Protein backbone atom coordinates (compact mmCIF):
# COMPACT_ATOMS: atom_id res chain seq x y z
CA MET A 1 72.41 10.81 150.32
CA PHE A 2 73.72 14.40 150.47
CA ASN A 3 71.84 15.16 153.71
CA ARG A 4 74.77 17.13 155.10
CA ASN A 5 75.14 20.10 152.78
CA HIS A 6 78.48 21.81 153.36
CA TYR A 7 78.35 25.53 152.66
CA ILE A 8 82.14 25.49 152.98
CA GLN A 9 83.32 22.59 150.83
CA ASN A 10 84.39 19.62 152.96
CA ARG A 11 87.49 19.07 150.82
CA LEU A 12 88.48 22.70 151.34
CA LEU A 13 88.05 22.38 155.11
CA LYS A 14 90.64 19.61 155.11
CA ASN A 15 93.19 22.26 154.09
CA PHE A 16 92.56 23.83 157.51
CA ALA A 17 92.55 20.55 159.40
CA VAL A 18 94.87 18.08 161.10
CA LYS A 19 94.86 14.46 159.92
CA THR A 20 94.52 12.17 162.93
CA ASP A 21 95.79 8.63 163.40
CA ASN A 22 92.43 7.16 162.38
CA GLY A 23 92.58 9.00 159.04
CA LYS A 24 89.97 11.61 159.96
CA TYR A 25 90.55 15.32 159.36
CA LYS A 26 89.79 17.55 162.33
CA ILE A 27 89.42 21.33 162.28
CA CYS A 28 89.38 23.54 165.35
CA VAL A 29 86.08 25.46 165.38
CA LEU A 30 85.32 28.63 167.33
CA ASP A 31 81.59 28.74 168.02
CA LEU A 32 80.69 32.41 168.49
CA ILE A 33 77.14 31.62 169.59
CA LYS A 34 77.89 29.00 172.24
CA PHE A 35 81.23 30.58 173.24
CA ALA A 36 83.10 27.31 172.70
CA VAL A 37 86.20 25.98 170.97
CA ASN A 38 86.57 22.34 169.98
CA TYR A 39 87.87 20.07 167.25
CA ARG A 40 85.36 18.60 164.83
CA ASN A 41 85.66 16.18 161.96
CA THR A 42 85.47 18.25 158.78
CA ASP A 43 82.44 16.27 157.62
CA SER A 44 80.67 17.54 160.77
CA ALA A 45 81.62 21.21 160.41
CA PHE A 46 80.26 24.11 158.35
CA TYR A 47 77.20 22.25 157.10
CA GLU A 48 73.44 22.39 157.42
CA THR A 49 71.11 19.45 156.94
CA ASN A 50 69.29 19.56 153.60
CA LEU A 51 70.29 23.19 153.05
CA TYR A 52 70.12 22.90 149.25
CA ASP A 53 67.00 20.77 148.85
CA VAL A 54 64.93 21.99 145.90
CA HIS A 55 61.23 21.25 146.25
CA SER A 56 60.09 22.77 142.96
CA GLY A 57 61.92 20.39 140.59
CA CYS A 58 61.94 16.70 139.81
CA ASP A 59 65.06 15.97 141.92
CA ILE A 60 65.12 17.36 145.44
CA LYS A 61 68.94 16.99 145.57
CA GLU A 62 69.55 18.63 142.17
CA LEU A 63 71.34 21.69 143.58
CA GLU A 64 73.66 19.75 145.88
CA ILE A 65 74.53 17.27 143.11
CA LYS A 66 75.36 20.07 140.67
CA PHE A 67 77.49 21.84 143.25
CA ASN A 68 79.48 18.65 143.61
CA GLU A 69 79.78 17.73 139.95
CA ILE A 70 80.12 21.11 138.23
CA ILE A 71 82.40 23.09 140.53
CA GLU A 72 83.53 21.23 143.65
CA ARG A 73 85.17 18.24 141.99
CA PRO A 74 87.05 20.31 139.38
CA MET A 75 88.17 22.77 142.06
CA VAL A 76 89.97 20.09 144.09
CA GLU A 77 92.73 19.83 141.47
CA LEU A 78 92.85 23.60 141.01
CA PHE A 79 93.14 24.22 144.76
CA ASP A 80 95.90 21.62 144.99
CA ARG A 81 97.74 23.27 142.11
CA ILE A 82 97.72 26.60 143.94
CA CYS A 83 98.67 25.18 147.32
CA ASN A 84 101.49 23.05 145.88
CA SER A 85 103.01 25.87 143.80
CA ASN A 86 105.74 28.16 145.07
CA ASP A 87 106.54 31.03 142.70
CA GLU A 88 103.70 31.06 140.18
CA VAL A 89 100.68 29.09 139.06
CA VAL A 90 99.12 28.89 135.59
CA PHE A 91 95.46 28.48 134.63
CA THR A 92 93.70 28.25 131.30
CA ARG A 93 90.76 30.51 130.53
CA LYS A 94 88.46 27.50 130.89
CA GLU A 95 89.85 26.77 134.35
CA LEU A 96 89.44 30.42 135.33
CA VAL A 97 85.73 30.23 134.54
CA THR A 98 85.43 27.32 136.99
CA ILE A 99 87.35 29.31 139.61
CA LYS A 100 85.18 32.38 139.09
CA LYS A 101 81.98 30.34 139.34
CA TYR A 102 83.19 28.65 142.50
CA PHE A 103 83.97 31.88 144.32
CA LEU A 104 80.89 33.64 142.94
CA LEU A 105 78.71 30.85 144.32
CA GLN A 106 80.44 31.17 147.68
CA HIS A 107 78.65 34.53 147.89
CA TYR A 108 75.34 32.73 147.56
CA ARG A 109 75.56 29.34 149.20
CA THR A 110 75.89 30.09 152.93
CA PRO A 111 73.19 30.38 155.61
CA LYS A 112 74.34 33.96 156.17
CA ASN A 113 73.62 34.94 152.57
CA ARG A 114 70.28 33.12 152.69
CA THR A 115 69.21 35.59 155.37
CA ASN A 116 69.74 38.42 152.87
CA TYR A 117 66.84 36.89 150.95
CA THR A 118 64.60 35.59 153.71
CA THR A 119 64.86 38.38 156.31
CA LEU A 120 62.09 40.91 155.93
CA ARG A 121 63.40 44.43 155.43
CA GLN A 122 62.42 47.66 153.80
CA GLY A 123 64.10 49.11 150.75
CA PHE A 124 65.91 47.91 147.66
CA LYS A 125 66.42 44.17 147.01
CA LEU A 126 67.79 42.75 143.75
CA SER A 127 65.44 39.76 144.07
CA GLN A 128 62.47 42.10 143.50
CA TYR A 129 63.12 42.06 139.75
CA ASN A 130 62.94 38.35 138.97
CA ILE A 131 61.14 36.53 141.76
CA ALA A 132 58.14 34.67 140.33
CA GLU A 133 54.61 34.95 141.61
CA GLY A 134 54.15 32.47 144.45
CA GLU A 135 57.90 31.79 144.68
CA THR A 136 59.41 32.18 148.14
CA GLU A 137 62.60 34.15 148.70
CA GLU A 138 64.41 30.93 149.64
CA GLU A 139 63.24 29.18 146.48
CA PHE A 140 64.44 32.15 144.44
CA TRP A 141 67.82 32.00 146.24
CA LYS A 142 68.21 28.39 145.11
CA ARG A 143 67.02 29.18 141.59
CA GLU A 144 69.73 31.83 141.24
CA MET A 145 72.39 29.31 142.26
CA LEU A 146 71.07 26.75 139.75
CA THR A 147 71.13 29.43 137.05
CA ILE A 148 74.83 30.09 137.74
CA LEU A 149 75.70 26.39 137.84
CA ASP A 150 73.86 25.61 134.60
CA GLY A 151 74.82 28.70 132.60
CA LYS A 152 77.76 29.44 130.34
CA TRP A 153 79.83 32.31 131.73
CA SER A 154 79.25 34.42 128.61
CA ASP A 155 75.49 33.89 128.92
CA LEU A 156 75.50 34.77 132.61
CA LEU A 157 77.08 38.12 131.74
CA GLU A 158 73.89 38.85 129.78
CA SER A 159 71.47 37.13 132.16
CA GLU A 160 67.91 38.39 132.53
CA MET A 161 68.24 37.76 136.27
CA VAL A 162 69.40 41.14 137.57
CA GLY A 163 71.10 39.85 140.72
CA VAL A 164 72.97 37.13 138.85
CA LYS A 165 74.09 39.52 136.14
CA LYS A 166 75.33 42.10 138.64
CA HIS A 167 77.39 39.62 140.64
CA VAL A 168 78.78 37.92 137.51
CA ILE A 169 79.85 41.29 136.09
CA ASP A 170 81.49 42.22 139.40
CA THR A 171 83.40 38.93 139.51
CA ASN A 172 84.35 39.04 135.84
CA SER A 173 85.75 42.58 136.05
CA SER A 174 87.95 41.74 139.06
CA PHE A 175 91.39 40.18 138.74
CA MET A 176 92.94 37.46 140.84
CA MET A 177 95.99 37.49 143.10
CA ILE A 178 97.45 34.70 145.21
CA ILE A 179 99.16 35.10 148.58
CA LYS A 180 100.77 32.71 151.02
CA SER A 181 101.79 33.02 154.65
CA ASN A 182 104.29 31.31 156.92
CA SER A 183 101.76 31.66 159.73
CA GLU A 184 98.11 30.61 159.46
CA PHE A 185 94.96 31.93 157.87
CA CYS A 186 91.60 31.22 159.45
CA ILE A 187 88.36 30.60 157.56
CA ASN A 188 84.91 31.84 158.51
CA ASP A 189 81.48 30.41 157.75
CA ILE A 190 80.83 32.63 154.72
CA GLY A 191 84.10 31.53 153.12
CA TYR A 192 85.47 34.98 152.33
CA VAL A 193 85.89 38.51 153.60
CA THR A 194 85.96 41.94 151.93
CA GLU A 195 88.47 44.69 152.57
CA ARG A 196 86.16 47.68 152.39
CA ILE A 197 87.05 51.34 152.76
CA PRO A 198 84.53 54.17 153.29
CA VAL A 199 84.10 56.72 150.54
CA LYS A 200 82.91 60.25 151.30
CA ILE A 201 80.83 61.71 148.47
CA ALA A 202 81.20 65.49 148.38
CA LYS A 203 77.96 67.46 148.60
CA GLU A 204 78.48 69.02 145.18
CA LYS A 205 78.91 65.56 143.62
CA GLU A 206 75.86 63.86 145.13
CA GLN A 207 73.50 64.49 142.20
CA ALA A 208 76.11 63.31 139.69
CA TYR A 209 76.57 60.12 141.75
CA ILE A 210 72.82 59.50 141.82
CA LYS A 211 72.56 60.12 138.08
CA ALA A 212 75.45 57.74 137.36
CA ALA A 213 73.84 54.99 139.46
CA LYS A 214 70.59 55.40 137.55
CA GLU A 215 72.38 55.20 134.19
CA ILE A 216 74.30 52.08 135.22
CA GLY A 217 71.03 50.45 136.22
CA LYS A 218 69.51 51.26 132.84
CA GLN A 219 72.48 50.34 130.65
CA LEU A 220 73.66 47.19 132.38
CA TYR A 221 70.49 45.77 133.87
CA GLY A 222 67.61 47.40 132.02
CA ARG A 223 66.19 48.85 135.25
CA ASP A 224 65.62 52.52 136.02
CA ASN A 225 65.56 52.67 139.83
CA PHE A 226 69.17 51.98 140.78
CA ASP A 227 69.29 55.59 141.95
CA GLU A 228 67.46 54.33 145.07
CA ILE A 229 70.69 52.65 146.17
CA ALA A 230 72.73 55.81 145.65
CA ARG A 231 70.23 57.98 147.53
CA ARG A 232 70.21 55.58 150.46
CA GLU A 233 74.02 55.44 150.56
CA ILE A 234 74.22 59.23 150.66
CA ALA A 235 71.51 59.53 153.31
CA ASN A 236 73.15 56.88 155.51
CA GLN A 237 76.70 58.02 154.72
CA ASN A 238 77.68 54.44 153.95
CA SER A 239 79.23 54.64 150.49
CA TYR A 240 82.28 52.44 150.17
CA LEU A 241 84.85 50.87 147.88
CA ASP A 242 85.61 47.16 148.05
CA ASN A 243 89.35 46.78 147.52
CA PHE A 244 89.31 43.01 147.32
CA GLU A 245 87.64 39.83 148.47
CA LEU A 246 89.85 37.37 150.32
CA TYR A 247 89.13 33.64 149.99
CA PRO A 248 91.33 31.51 152.28
CA ILE A 249 91.85 28.12 150.60
CA SER A 250 94.26 26.58 153.10
CA SER A 251 95.84 27.49 156.41
CA ASN A 252 98.72 29.17 154.56
CA CYS A 253 97.24 30.15 151.19
CA ALA A 254 94.53 32.55 150.01
CA VAL A 255 93.07 33.91 146.78
CA LEU A 256 92.18 37.59 146.32
CA PHE A 257 89.70 38.96 143.81
CA VAL A 258 90.74 42.58 143.39
CA SER A 259 88.63 45.54 142.28
CA PRO A 260 89.28 46.71 138.69
CA ILE A 261 90.02 50.17 140.08
CA TRP A 262 93.31 48.74 141.36
CA LYS A 263 94.14 47.48 137.88
CA MET A 264 93.81 51.06 136.70
CA ALA A 265 95.99 52.15 139.63
CA PHE A 266 98.65 49.57 138.73
CA LEU A 267 98.80 50.88 135.17
CA GLU A 268 98.58 54.52 136.28
CA PRO A 269 100.03 54.84 139.83
CA LYS A 270 99.07 58.53 140.12
CA LEU A 271 95.46 57.37 140.55
CA ILE A 272 96.29 55.99 144.01
CA ALA A 273 96.79 59.48 145.41
CA LYS A 274 94.16 61.10 143.19
CA MET A 275 91.45 58.66 144.29
CA ASP A 276 92.79 58.39 147.85
CA LEU A 277 93.08 54.60 147.53
CA PHE A 278 94.37 52.68 150.52
CA SER A 279 95.03 49.02 151.23
CA PRO A 280 97.97 47.76 153.32
CA ILE A 281 98.01 44.59 151.21
CA LEU A 282 97.55 46.01 147.72
CA LEU A 283 99.88 48.96 148.16
CA LYS A 284 102.66 46.44 148.83
CA TYR A 285 101.79 43.37 146.75
CA LEU A 286 99.68 44.59 143.83
CA VAL A 287 100.49 42.60 140.69
CA LEU A 288 98.60 41.63 137.53
CA PRO A 289 98.61 38.20 135.88
CA LYS A 290 100.64 37.63 132.74
CA ASN A 291 98.63 36.48 129.75
CA GLU A 292 99.47 34.16 126.87
CA TYR A 293 96.83 34.24 124.12
CA ILE A 294 96.49 31.39 121.65
CA ASN A 295 95.43 33.87 118.96
CA PHE A 296 97.91 36.57 119.91
CA ASP A 297 98.86 37.28 116.28
CA LYS A 298 95.24 38.10 115.43
CA ILE A 299 94.76 40.57 118.26
CA LYS A 300 95.47 44.07 116.98
CA GLU A 301 93.35 46.20 119.31
CA GLN A 302 91.36 45.94 122.55
CA LYS A 303 88.08 44.90 120.92
CA ASP A 304 89.81 41.87 119.35
CA LEU A 305 90.34 40.27 122.78
CA SER A 306 86.75 39.09 123.08
CA LYS A 307 86.62 38.06 119.43
CA TYR A 308 89.69 35.83 119.55
CA MET A 309 89.62 34.54 123.13
CA ASP A 310 90.27 30.82 123.46
CA GLU A 311 89.60 28.35 126.27
CA GLU A 312 93.28 27.44 126.22
CA ASP A 313 94.56 30.99 126.73
CA LYS A 314 96.92 30.92 129.72
CA PHE A 315 97.13 33.20 132.74
CA LYS A 316 100.19 33.16 135.00
CA TYR A 317 99.81 34.31 138.60
CA LYS A 318 102.73 35.29 140.78
CA ILE A 319 102.56 33.86 144.30
CA GLN A 320 103.67 36.27 147.02
CA THR A 321 104.32 35.63 150.70
CA ILE A 322 102.94 38.13 153.20
CA THR A 323 104.24 38.76 156.72
CA ASP A 324 102.86 37.34 159.96
CA GLU A 325 101.56 40.81 160.89
CA GLU A 326 99.73 41.10 157.57
CA THR A 327 98.26 37.64 158.08
CA ILE A 328 96.94 38.73 161.47
CA TYR A 329 95.42 41.81 159.85
CA LEU A 330 93.58 39.67 157.28
CA ASN A 331 92.49 37.24 159.98
CA THR A 332 90.89 40.09 161.95
CA LEU A 333 88.88 41.01 158.85
CA THR A 334 87.81 37.38 158.45
CA MET A 335 86.88 37.13 162.13
CA ASN A 336 84.82 40.29 161.93
CA GLU A 337 82.68 39.04 159.05
CA ALA A 338 82.00 35.58 160.52
CA TYR A 339 78.36 34.63 160.99
CA CYS A 340 78.62 31.98 163.71
CA TYR A 341 81.87 30.04 163.24
CA ILE A 342 85.61 30.36 162.63
CA GLY A 343 87.80 27.42 161.60
CA VAL A 344 91.54 27.16 162.30
CA LYS A 345 94.19 24.48 161.98
CA THR A 346 96.36 25.24 165.01
CA PRO A 347 94.59 26.86 168.00
CA LYS A 348 97.70 28.37 169.57
CA ALA A 349 98.83 29.84 166.22
CA PHE A 350 95.54 31.71 166.03
CA ILE A 351 95.86 33.37 169.44
CA PRO A 352 97.79 36.46 168.15
CA SER A 353 94.92 37.21 165.75
CA VAL A 354 92.38 37.00 168.58
CA ARG A 355 94.51 39.27 170.74
CA MET A 356 94.77 41.81 167.94
CA TYR A 357 91.00 41.75 167.37
CA ASN A 358 90.39 42.29 171.09
CA TYR A 359 92.93 45.11 171.11
CA LEU A 360 91.20 46.86 168.20
CA MET A 361 87.83 46.53 169.89
CA SER A 362 89.12 47.84 173.22
CA ASN A 363 90.53 50.89 171.42
CA GLY A 364 87.21 51.80 169.89
CA GLU A 365 87.77 50.57 166.33
CA LYS A 366 84.57 51.12 164.32
CA ASN A 367 82.32 48.38 162.89
CA MET A 368 83.56 45.55 165.12
CA HIS A 369 80.86 42.90 164.94
CA HIS A 370 81.88 40.28 167.50
CA ASN A 371 83.26 39.82 170.99
CA TYR A 372 86.24 37.45 171.17
CA ASN A 373 87.04 38.11 174.84
CA GLY A 374 87.71 34.78 176.55
CA PHE A 375 88.64 32.92 173.37
CA VAL A 376 92.38 33.14 174.04
CA GLU A 377 91.97 30.91 177.08
CA LEU A 378 89.68 28.53 175.21
CA LEU A 379 92.17 28.23 172.35
CA SER A 380 95.04 27.67 174.79
CA ASN A 381 93.22 24.68 176.30
CA CYS A 382 91.88 23.16 173.06
CA GLU A 383 93.33 19.74 172.24
CA ILE A 384 92.41 16.98 169.81
CA ASN A 385 90.44 14.20 171.51
């Protein structure tokens, strides 16, 4: 039971698959390690045997069972609602918590993220604050996921586990957008990708940046060494701003979790130029959800929102259709952040994205992580058996 642990939900993979005559769903998988392209049944793709086994509790399959019962089953209906909607889709506050948990856990649950815990490296690691004596990094990784699955969202925002609290706050402060495409999105084996832009910190502002990082660590997480992160960023010149995280949920539909900075920019457009913000997607499609509060009449000022929030508050999301060229752009981001695999529905429809990635690499684009040379021919010859 539950030996094949999908780190990309099997039901989600079917949204990127073709249903064959025997009723099986097959997804075209690009294997970046073996340099191969072939169709696989979705139940035989994006999984690892016994990935979520927990050896410290009374039920070795506890984590996999809770994934299935707490977030994966409820998300099936929510994914279908998005994919089957055209102009807008509505969620309650309670449903949004499920959505946020699902995508937050996608950060954790993949073999790629596991390496962030288990790979030995020098420097700052969030796990250093809460890992128990004698607990392995992999056991701690699983304990964090169980904490998120078991916890109320409001409690997770105040969690004693520093890593959990940080990621929950990041997710909670972001806002959601939904996009569709008349061409096809791909999906990678971490389940999402980040549009990230470099930020240059001026020399005269370095100490203020370090001080701010230290204060954030103290105030939000009760730790006083978050300045280590800021110092390392400055030394390595790798400070950045994450515009959004893209989560493809079908071959023609994706969810974005957008940085709160862009909410400020939407309300005050002058900030875009002042902060030198750039995103080819957000500059064109940026939109906020419309809210309907059950206790609207009781809300007189900002602080009343948390006091009178209700599980049945409604949030309406506009669905926007992006161009084929913009889809290719997002696919190249997804391809770049893949660990070992890419999944697509229609091999030939994915060829323009591969060609664009190869073009960017041949022109010296920075931070290209993979080599897709040769995959155009493999995709051209890939057929369902």
